[in-house]
Amino acid sequence: MRKIIISCSVFVILIVAAFFLIHNRKSSNFKKVRLAEVTHSVFYAPQYVAKELGYFEEEGIDLEIILTSGVKKNDNKFLCLCFL
């Protein structure tokens, strides 16, 4: 009976060690990506859902979503004139 308990304990320890080794190897291969958005909008909802569901991590991407300032007033006027 004692041999069975020792064998099972060693087996569980090996499985746990293998899991941690595989997990650490995957996390070190992540590519860091910063995604800038100019405003919080409903149009960005799919990227938030994908991040929360872990789709980026499955593909090896460590995504950081940052909020940036929008276009300056003068730049916006220039862009409008270009499309007239």
PDB file of N, CA and C in Angstrom:
ATOM      1  N   MET A   1       0.823  -1.195   0.000  1.00  0.00           N
ATOM      2  CA  MET A   1       0.000   0.000   0.000  1.00  0.00           C
ATOM      3  C   MET A   1       0.867   1.259   0.000  1.00  0.00           C
ATOM      4  N   ARG A   2       1.969   1.181   0.752  1.00  0.00           N
ATOM      5  CA  ARG A   2       2.854   2.334   0.833  1.00  0.00           C
ATOM      6  C   ARG A   2       3.512   2.620  -0.520  1.00  0.00           C
ATOM      7  N   LYS A   3       3.861   1.582  -1.272  1.00  0.00           N
ATOM      8  CA  LYS A   3       4.469   1.753  -2.596  1.00  0.00           C
ATOM      9  C   LYS A   3       3.504   2.447  -3.551  1.00  0.00           C
ATOM     10  N   ILE A   4       2.232   2.133  -3.454  1.00  0.00           N
ATOM     11  CA  ILE A   4       1.219   2.756  -4.324  1.00  0.00           C
ATOM     12  C   ILE A   4       1.102   4.243  -4.016  1.00  0.00           C
ATOM     13  N   ILE A   5       1.098   4.597  -2.745  1.00  0.00           N
ATOM     14  CA  ILE A   5       0.996   6.007  -2.346  1.00  0.00           C
ATOM     15  C   ILE A   5       2.225   6.777  -2.813  1.00  0.00           C
ATOM     16  N   ILE A   6       3.407   6.201  -2.639  1.00  0.00           N
ATOM     17  CA  ILE A   6       4.639   6.864  -3.076  1.00  0.00           C
ATOM     18  C   ILE A   6       4.651   7.003  -4.594  1.00  0.00           C
ATOM     19  N   SER A   7       4.240   5.976  -5.307  1.00  0.00           N
ATOM     20  CA  SER A   7       4.208   6.026  -6.768  1.00  0.00           C
ATOM     21  C   SER A   7       3.236   7.097  -7.256  1.00  0.00           C
ATOM     22  N   CYS A   8       2.074   7.158  -6.648  1.00  0.00           N
ATOM     23  CA  CYS A   8       1.083   8.173  -7.034  1.00  0.00           C
ATOM     24  C   CYS A   8       1.583   9.578  -6.726  1.00  0.00           C
ATOM     25  N   SER A   9       2.242   9.752  -5.591  1.00  0.00           N
ATOM     26  CA  SER A   9       2.785  11.062  -5.221  1.00  0.00           C
ATOM     27  C   SER A   9       3.846  11.522  -6.216  1.00  0.00           C
ATOM     28  N   VAL A  10       4.741  10.623  -6.585  1.00  0.00           N
ATOM     29  CA  VAL A  10       5.788  10.953  -7.555  1.00  0.00           C
ATOM     30  C   VAL A  10       5.161  11.293  -8.907  1.00  0.00           C
ATOM     31  N   PHE A  11       4.160  10.546  -9.308  1.00  0.00           N
ATOM     32  CA  PHE A  11       3.483  10.806 -10.579  1.00  0.00           C
ATOM     33  C   PHE A  11       2.840  12.189 -10.581  1.00  0.00           C
ATOM     34  N   VAL A  12       2.160  12.549  -9.503  1.00  0.00           N
ATOM     35  CA  VAL A  12       1.502  13.862  -9.410  1.00  0.00           C
ATOM     36  C   VAL A  12       2.545  14.974  -9.431  1.00  0.00           C
ATOM     37  N   ILE A  13       3.633  14.793  -8.720  1.00  0.00           N
ATOM     38  CA  ILE A  13       4.697  15.807  -8.705  1.00  0.00           C
ATOM     39  C   ILE A  13       5.285  15.998 -10.098  1.00  0.00           C
ATOM     40  N   LEU A  14       5.497  14.909 -10.829  1.00  0.00           N
ATOM     41  CA  LEU A  14       6.029  15.019 -12.192  1.00  0.00           C
ATOM     42  C   LEU A  14       5.053  15.735 -13.126  1.00  0.00           C
ATOM     43  N   ILE A  15       3.773  15.442 -12.993  1.00  0.00           N
ATOM     44  CA  ILE A  15       2.771  16.108 -13.838  1.00  0.00           C
ATOM     45  C   ILE A  15       2.729  17.600 -13.545  1.00  0.00           C
ATOM     46  N   VAL A  16       2.737  17.965 -12.267  1.00  0.00           N
ATOM     47  CA  VAL A  16       2.707  19.383 -11.888  1.00  0.00           C
ATOM     48  C   VAL A  16       3.971  20.090 -12.381  1.00  0.00           C
ATOM     49  N   ALA A  17       5.131  19.463 -12.236  1.00  0.00           N
ATOM     50  CA  ALA A  17       6.381  20.059 -12.704  1.00  0.00           C
ATOM     51  C   ALA A  17       6.360  20.249 -14.220  1.00  0.00           C
ATOM     52  N   ALA A  18       5.861  19.270 -14.947  1.00  0.00           N
ATOM     53  CA  ALA A  18       5.777  19.390 -16.409  1.00  0.00           C
ATOM     54  C   ALA A  18       4.841  20.525 -16.810  1.00  0.00           C
ATOM     55  N   PHE A  19       3.727  20.661 -16.104  1.00  0.00           N
ATOM     56  CA  PHE A  19       2.791  21.748 -16.402  1.00  0.00           C
ATOM     57  C   PHE A  19       3.458  23.103 -16.229  1.00  0.00           C
ATOM     58  N   PHE A  20       4.174  23.298 -15.124  1.00  0.00           N
ATOM     59  CA  PHE A  20       4.826  24.579 -14.886  1.00  0.00           C
ATOM     60  C   PHE A  20       5.935  24.846 -15.896  1.00  0.00           C
ATOM     61  N   LEU A  21       6.663  23.832 -16.292  1.00  0.00           N
ATOM     62  CA  LEU A  21       7.708  24.024 -17.299  1.00  0.00           C
ATOM     63  C   LEU A  21       7.120  24.441 -18.640  1.00  0.00           C
ATOM     64  N   ILE A  22       6.043  23.797 -19.042  1.00  0.00           N
ATOM     65  CA  ILE A  22       5.389  24.136 -20.310  1.00  0.00           C
ATOM     66  C   ILE A  22       4.774  25.529 -20.235  1.00  0.00           C
ATOM     67  N   HIS A  23       4.138  25.851 -19.130  1.00  0.00           N
ATOM     68  CA  HIS A  23       3.507  27.157 -18.966  1.00  0.00           C
ATOM     69  C   HIS A  23       4.544  28.273 -18.997  1.00  0.00           C
ATOM     70  N   ASN A  24       5.669  28.100 -18.321  1.00  0.00           N
ATOM     71  CA  ASN A  24       6.718  29.122 -18.312  1.00  0.00           C
ATOM     72  C   ASN A  24       7.341  29.296 -19.688  1.00  0.00           C
ATOM     73  N   ARG A  25       7.480  28.227 -20.442  1.00  0.00           N
ATOM     74  CA  ARG A  25       8.044  28.317 -21.780  1.00  0.00           C
ATOM     75  C   ARG A  25       7.113  29.089 -22.705  1.00  0.00           C
ATOM     76  N   LYS A  26       5.798  28.858 -22.604  1.00  0.00           N
ATOM     77  CA  LYS A  26       4.851  29.567 -23.452  1.00  0.00           C
ATOM     78  C   LYS A  26       4.805  31.047 -23.120  1.00  0.00           C
ATOM     79  N   SER A  27       4.847  31.415 -21.839  1.00  0.00           N
ATOM     80  CA  SER A  27       4.737  32.821 -21.461  1.00  0.00           C
ATOM     81  C   SER A  27       5.969  33.616 -21.868  1.00  0.00           C
ATOM     82  N   SER A  28       7.127  32.972 -22.003  1.00  0.00           N
ATOM     83  CA  SER A  28       8.324  33.704 -22.407  1.00  0.00           C
ATOM     84  C   SER A  28       8.346  33.958 -23.906  1.00  0.00           C
ATOM     85  N   ASN A  29       7.523  33.282 -24.680  1.00  0.00           N
ATOM     86  CA  ASN A  29       7.488  33.484 -26.119  1.00  0.00           C
ATOM     87  C   ASN A  29       6.480  34.543 -26.547  1.00  0.00           C
ATOM     88  N   PHE A  30       5.836  35.209 -25.600  1.00  0.00           N
ATOM     89  CA  PHE A  30       4.837  36.213 -25.946  1.00  0.00           C
ATOM     90  C   PHE A  30       5.499  37.438 -26.557  1.00  0.00           C
ATOM     91  N   LYS A  31       4.842  37.984 -27.566  1.00  0.00           N
ATOM     92  CA  LYS A  31       5.312  39.211 -28.188  1.00  0.00           C
ATOM     93  C   LYS A  31       4.514  40.360 -27.601  1.00  0.00           C
ATOM     94  N   LYS A  32       5.195  41.373 -27.086  1.00  0.00           N
ATOM     95  CA  LYS A  32       4.551  42.524 -26.462  1.00  0.00           C
ATOM     96  C   LYS A  32       4.050  43.469 -27.553  1.00  0.00           C
ATOM     97  N   VAL A  33       2.736  43.772 -27.525  1.00  0.00           N
ATOM     98  CA  VAL A  33       2.128  44.669 -28.499  1.00  0.00           C
ATOM     99  C   VAL A  33       1.330  45.718 -27.749  1.00  0.00           C
ATOM    100  N   ARG A  34       1.549  46.994 -28.091  1.00  0.00           N
ATOM    101  CA  ARG A  34       0.751  48.090 -27.532  1.00  0.00           C
ATOM    102  C   ARG A  34      -0.196  48.592 -28.607  1.00  0.00           C
ATOM    103  N   LEU A  35      -1.472  48.610 -28.259  1.00  0.00           N
ATOM    104  CA  LEU A  35      -2.495  49.070 -29.181  1.00  0.00           C
ATOM    105  C   LEU A  35      -3.050  50.383 -28.652  1.00  0.00           C
ATOM    106  N   ALA A  36      -2.941  51.444 -29.432  1.00  0.00           N
ATOM    107  CA  ALA A  36      -3.395  52.770 -29.003  1.00  0.00           C
ATOM    108  C   ALA A  36      -4.760  53.067 -29.604  1.00  0.00           C
ATOM    109  N   GLU A  37      -5.648  53.549 -28.764  1.00  0.00           N
ATOM    110  CA  GLU A  37      -6.956  53.995 -29.226  1.00  0.00           C
ATOM    111  C   GLU A  37      -7.149  55.429 -28.784  1.00  0.00           C
ATOM    112  N   VAL A  38      -7.883  56.200 -29.574  1.00  0.00           N
ATOM    113  CA  VAL A  38      -8.037  57.624 -29.282  1.00  0.00           C
ATOM    114  C   VAL A  38      -9.230  57.907 -28.381  1.00  0.00           C
ATOM    115  N   THR A  39     -10.148  56.972 -28.276  1.00  0.00           N
ATOM    116  CA  THR A  39     -11.312  57.145 -27.414  1.00  0.00           C
ATOM    117  C   THR A  39     -11.893  55.783 -27.081  1.00  0.00           C
ATOM    118  N   HIS A  40     -12.571  55.725 -25.953  1.00  0.00           N
ATOM    119  CA  HIS A  40     -13.289  54.492 -25.630  1.00  0.00           C
ATOM    120  C   HIS A  40     -14.590  54.515 -26.426  1.00  0.00           C
ATOM    121  N   SER A  41     -14.765  53.550 -27.297  1.00  0.00           N
ATOM    122  CA  SER A  41     -15.915  53.525 -28.187  1.00  0.00           C
ATOM    123  C   SER A  41     -16.428  52.100 -28.327  1.00  0.00           C
ATOM    124  N   VAL A  42     -17.682  51.983 -28.725  1.00  0.00           N
ATOM    125  CA  VAL A  42     -18.278  50.673 -28.943  1.00  0.00           C
ATOM    126  C   VAL A  42     -17.585  49.942 -30.099  1.00  0.00           C
ATOM    127  N   PHE A  43     -16.936  50.691 -30.968  1.00  0.00           N
ATOM    128  CA  PHE A  43     -16.250  50.085 -32.113  1.00  0.00           C
ATOM    129  C   PHE A  43     -15.031  49.273 -31.690  1.00  0.00           C
ATOM    130  N   TYR A  44     -14.507  49.546 -30.491  1.00  0.00           N
ATOM    131  CA  TYR A  44     -13.368  48.794 -29.979  1.00  0.00           C
ATOM    132  C   TYR A  44     -13.799  47.580 -29.159  1.00  0.00           C
ATOM    133  N   ALA A  45     -15.082  47.343 -29.028  1.00  0.00           N
ATOM    134  CA  ALA A  45     -15.597  46.238 -28.211  1.00  0.00           C
ATOM    135  C   ALA A  45     -15.037  44.868 -28.616  1.00  0.00           C
ATOM    136  N   PRO A  46     -14.935  44.556 -29.910  1.00  0.00           N
ATOM    137  CA  PRO A  46     -14.403  43.231 -30.273  1.00  0.00           C
ATOM    138  C   PRO A  46     -12.990  42.967 -29.754  1.00  0.00           C
ATOM    139  N   GLN A  47     -12.140  43.997 -29.729  1.00  0.00           N
ATOM    140  CA  GLN A  47     -10.781  43.771 -29.237  1.00  0.00           C
ATOM    141  C   GLN A  47     -10.776  43.549 -27.726  1.00  0.00           C
ATOM    142  N   TYR A  48     -11.677  44.219 -27.001  1.00  0.00           N
ATOM    143  CA  TYR A  48     -11.769  43.985 -25.554  1.00  0.00           C
ATOM    144  C   TYR A  48     -12.290  42.581 -25.264  1.00  0.00           C
ATOM    145  N   VAL A  49     -13.261  42.144 -26.021  1.00  0.00           N
ATOM    146  CA  VAL A  49     -13.809  40.791 -25.843  1.00  0.00           C
ATOM    147  C   VAL A  49     -12.738  39.748 -26.148  1.00  0.00           C
ATOM    148  N   ALA A  50     -12.004  39.949 -27.242  1.00  0.00           N
ATOM    149  CA  ALA A  50     -10.947  39.003 -27.616  1.00  0.00           C
ATOM    150  C   ALA A  50      -9.857  38.946 -26.555  1.00  0.00           C
ATOM    151  N   LYS A  51      -9.525  40.100 -25.976  1.00  0.00           N
ATOM    152  CA  LYS A  51      -8.501  40.117 -24.930  1.00  0.00           C
ATOM    153  C   LYS A  51      -8.994  39.383 -23.686  1.00  0.00           C
ATOM    154  N   GLU A  52     -10.233  39.637 -23.284  1.00  0.00           N
ATOM    155  CA  GLU A  52     -10.762  38.995 -22.081  1.00  0.00           C
ATOM    156  C   GLU A  52     -10.947  37.490 -22.263  1.00  0.00           C
ATOM    157  N   LEU A  53     -11.257  37.047 -23.464  1.00  0.00           N
ATOM    158  CA  LEU A  53     -11.437  35.613 -23.717  1.00  0.00           C
ATOM    159  C   LEU A  53     -10.114  34.887 -23.959  1.00  0.00           C
ATOM    160  N   GLY A  54      -9.001  35.648 -24.005  1.00  0.00           N
ATOM    161  CA  GLY A  54      -7.681  35.033 -24.115  1.00  0.00           C
ATOM    162  C   GLY A  54      -7.249  34.683 -25.524  1.00  0.00           C
ATOM    163  N   TYR A  55      -7.902  35.264 -26.533  1.00  0.00           N
ATOM    164  CA  TYR A  55      -7.528  34.953 -27.913  1.00  0.00           C
ATOM    165  C   TYR A  55      -6.132  35.460 -28.260  1.00  0.00           C
ATOM    166  N   PHE A  56      -5.754  36.621 -27.732  1.00  0.00           N
ATOM    167  CA  PHE A  56      -4.423  37.151 -28.019  1.00  0.00           C
ATOM    168  C   PHE A  56      -3.345  36.272 -27.383  1.00  0.00           C
ATOM    169  N   GLU A  57      -3.586  35.805 -26.161  1.00  0.00           N
ATOM    170  CA  GLU A  57      -2.622  34.935 -25.487  1.00  0.00           C
ATOM    171  C   GLU A  57      -2.462  33.610 -26.229  1.00  0.00           C
ATOM    172  N   GLU A  58      -3.562  33.098 -26.775  1.00  0.00           N
ATOM    173  CA  GLU A  58      -3.482  31.847 -27.538  1.00  0.00           C
ATOM    174  C   GLU A  58      -2.564  31.990 -28.746  1.00  0.00           C
ATOM    175  N   GLU A  59      -2.506  33.202 -29.296  1.00  0.00           N
ATOM    176  CA  GLU A  59      -1.663  33.452 -30.470  1.00  0.00           C
ATOM    177  C   GLU A  59      -0.272  33.957 -30.094  1.00  0.00           C
ATOM    178  N   GLY A  60       0.030  34.022 -28.792  1.00  0.00           N
ATOM    179  CA  GLY A  60       1.357  34.446 -28.351  1.00  0.00           C
ATOM    180  C   GLY A  60       1.544  35.944 -28.310  1.00  0.00           C
ATOM    181  N   ILE A  61       0.460  36.690 -28.102  1.00  0.00           N
ATOM    182  CA  ILE A  61       0.520  38.151 -28.078  1.00  0.00           C
ATOM    183  C   ILE A  61       0.157  38.643 -26.686  1.00  0.00           C
ATOM    184  N   ASP A  62       1.051  39.456 -26.110  1.00  0.00           N
ATOM    185  CA  ASP A  62       0.779  40.110 -24.834  1.00  0.00           C
ATOM    186  C   ASP A  62       0.304  41.518 -25.171  1.00  0.00           C
ATOM    187  N   LEU A  63      -1.013  41.706 -25.200  1.00  0.00           N
ATOM    188  CA  LEU A  63      -1.606  42.959 -25.673  1.00  0.00           C
ATOM    189  C   LEU A  63      -1.796  43.937 -24.532  1.00  0.00           C
ATOM    190  N   GLU A  64      -1.364  45.180 -24.769  1.00  0.00           N
ATOM    191  CA  GLU A  64      -1.611  46.277 -23.841  1.00  0.00           C
ATOM    192  C   GLU A  64      -2.375  47.345 -24.614  1.00  0.00           C
ATOM    193  N   ILE A  65      -3.579  47.664 -24.165  1.00  0.00           N
ATOM    194  CA  ILE A  65      -4.397  48.685 -24.821  1.00  0.00           C
ATOM    195  C   ILE A  65      -4.218  49.981 -24.057  1.00  0.00           C
ATOM    196  N   ILE A  66      -3.777  51.022 -24.775  1.00  0.00           N
ATOM    197  CA  ILE A  66      -3.557  52.316 -24.134  1.00  0.00           C
ATOM    198  C   ILE A  66      -4.434  53.364 -24.798  1.00  0.00           C
ATOM    199  N   LEU A  67      -4.811  54.368 -24.021  1.00  0.00           N
ATOM    200  CA  LEU A  67      -5.622  55.474 -24.511  1.00  0.00           C
ATOM    201  C   LEU A  67      -4.699  56.635 -24.835  1.00  0.00           C
ATOM    202  N   THR A  68      -4.787  57.156 -26.048  1.00  0.00           N
ATOM    203  CA  THR A  68      -3.950  58.277 -26.462  1.00  0.00           C
ATOM    204  C   THR A  68      -4.825  59.486 -26.756  1.00  0.00           C
ATOM    205  N   SER A  69      -4.183  60.621 -26.896  1.00  0.00           N
ATOM    206  CA  SER A  69      -4.949  61.824 -27.227  1.00  0.00           C
ATOM    207  C   SER A  69      -5.345  61.771 -28.695  1.00  0.00           C
ATOM    208  N   GLY A  70      -6.442  62.429 -29.010  1.00  0.00           N
ATOM    209  CA  GLY A  70      -6.939  62.440 -30.380  1.00  0.00           C
ATOM    210  C   GLY A  70      -6.179  63.421 -31.251  1.00  0.00           C
ATOM    211  N   VAL A  71      -6.716  63.699 -32.392  1.00  0.00           N
ATOM    212  CA  VAL A  71      -6.107  64.615 -33.343  1.00  0.00           C
ATOM    213  C   VAL A  71      -6.270  66.040 -32.821  1.00  0.00           C
ATOM    214  N   LYS A  72      -5.234  66.851 -32.978  1.00  0.00           N
ATOM    215  CA  LYS A  72      -5.304  68.253 -32.557  1.00  0.00           C
ATOM    216  C   LYS A  72      -6.255  69.010 -33.476  1.00  0.00           C
ATOM    217  N   LYS A  73      -6.782  70.114 -32.987  1.00  0.00           N
ATOM    218  CA  LYS A  73      -7.757  70.885 -33.768  1.00  0.00           C
ATOM    219  C   LYS A  73      -7.182  71.331 -35.112  1.00  0.00           C
ATOM    220  N   ASN A  74      -5.960  71.823 -35.120  1.00  0.00           N
ATOM    221  CA  ASN A  74      -5.367  72.291 -36.376  1.00  0.00           C
ATOM    222  C   ASN A  74      -5.149  71.148 -37.352  1.00  0.00           C
ATOM    223  N   ASP A  75      -4.730  70.004 -36.854  1.00  0.00           N
ATOM    224  CA  ASP A  75      -4.526  68.847 -37.721  1.00  0.00           C
ATOM    225  C   ASP A  75      -5.846  68.373 -38.305  1.00  0.00           C
ATOM    226  N   ASN A  76      -6.895  68.447 -37.516  1.00  0.00           N
ATOM    227  CA  ASN A  76      -8.213  68.026 -37.972  1.00  0.00           C
ATOM    228  C   ASN A  76      -8.696  68.933 -39.108  1.00  0.00           C
ATOM    229  N   LYS A  77      -8.478  70.244 -38.995  1.00  0.00           N
ATOM    230  CA  LYS A  77      -8.866  71.159 -40.068  1.00  0.00           C
ATOM    231  C   LYS A  77      -8.083  70.853 -41.340  1.00  0.00           C
ATOM    232  N   PHE A  78      -6.795  70.562 -41.195  1.00  0.00           N
ATOM    233  CA  PHE A  78      -5.973  70.229 -42.350  1.00  0.00           C
ATOM    234  C   PHE A  78      -6.472  68.974 -43.045  1.00  0.00           C
ATOM    235  N   LEU A  79      -6.829  67.965 -42.271  1.00  0.00           N
ATOM    236  CA  LEU A  79      -7.334  66.729 -42.846  1.00  0.00           C
ATOM    237  C   LEU A  79      -8.656  66.965 -43.582  1.00  0.00           C
ATOM    238  N   CYS A  80      -9.507  67.801 -43.035  1.00  0.00           N
ATOM    239  CA  CYS A  80     -10.786  68.095 -43.685  1.00  0.00           C
ATOM    240  C   CYS A  80     -10.552  68.812 -45.018  1.00  0.00           C
ATOM    241  N   LEU A  81      -9.611  69.723 -45.069  1.00  0.00           N
ATOM    242  CA  LEU A  81      -9.329  70.456 -46.322  1.00  0.00           C
ATOM    243  C   LEU A  81      -8.765  69.526 -47.383  1.00  0.00           C
ATOM    244  N   CYS A  82      -8.022  68.503 -46.960  1.00  0.00           N
ATOM    245  CA  CYS A  82      -7.423  67.578 -47.926  1.00  0.00           C
ATOM    246  C   CYS A  82      -8.484  66.742 -48.651  1.00  0.00           C
ATOM    247  N   PHE A  83      -9.602  66.512 -48.011  1.00  0.00           N
ATOM    248  CA  PHE A  83     -10.620  65.668 -48.621  1.00  0.00           C
ATOM    249  C   PHE A  83     -11.690  66.454 -49.360  1.00  0.00           C
ATOM    250  N   LEU A  84     -11.555  67.770 -49.447  1.00  0.00           N
ATOM    251  CA  LEU A  84     -12.537  68.576 -50.197  1.00  0.00           C
ATOM    252  C   LEU A  84     -12.262  68.568 -51.672  1.00  0.00           C
TER     253      LEU A  84
END
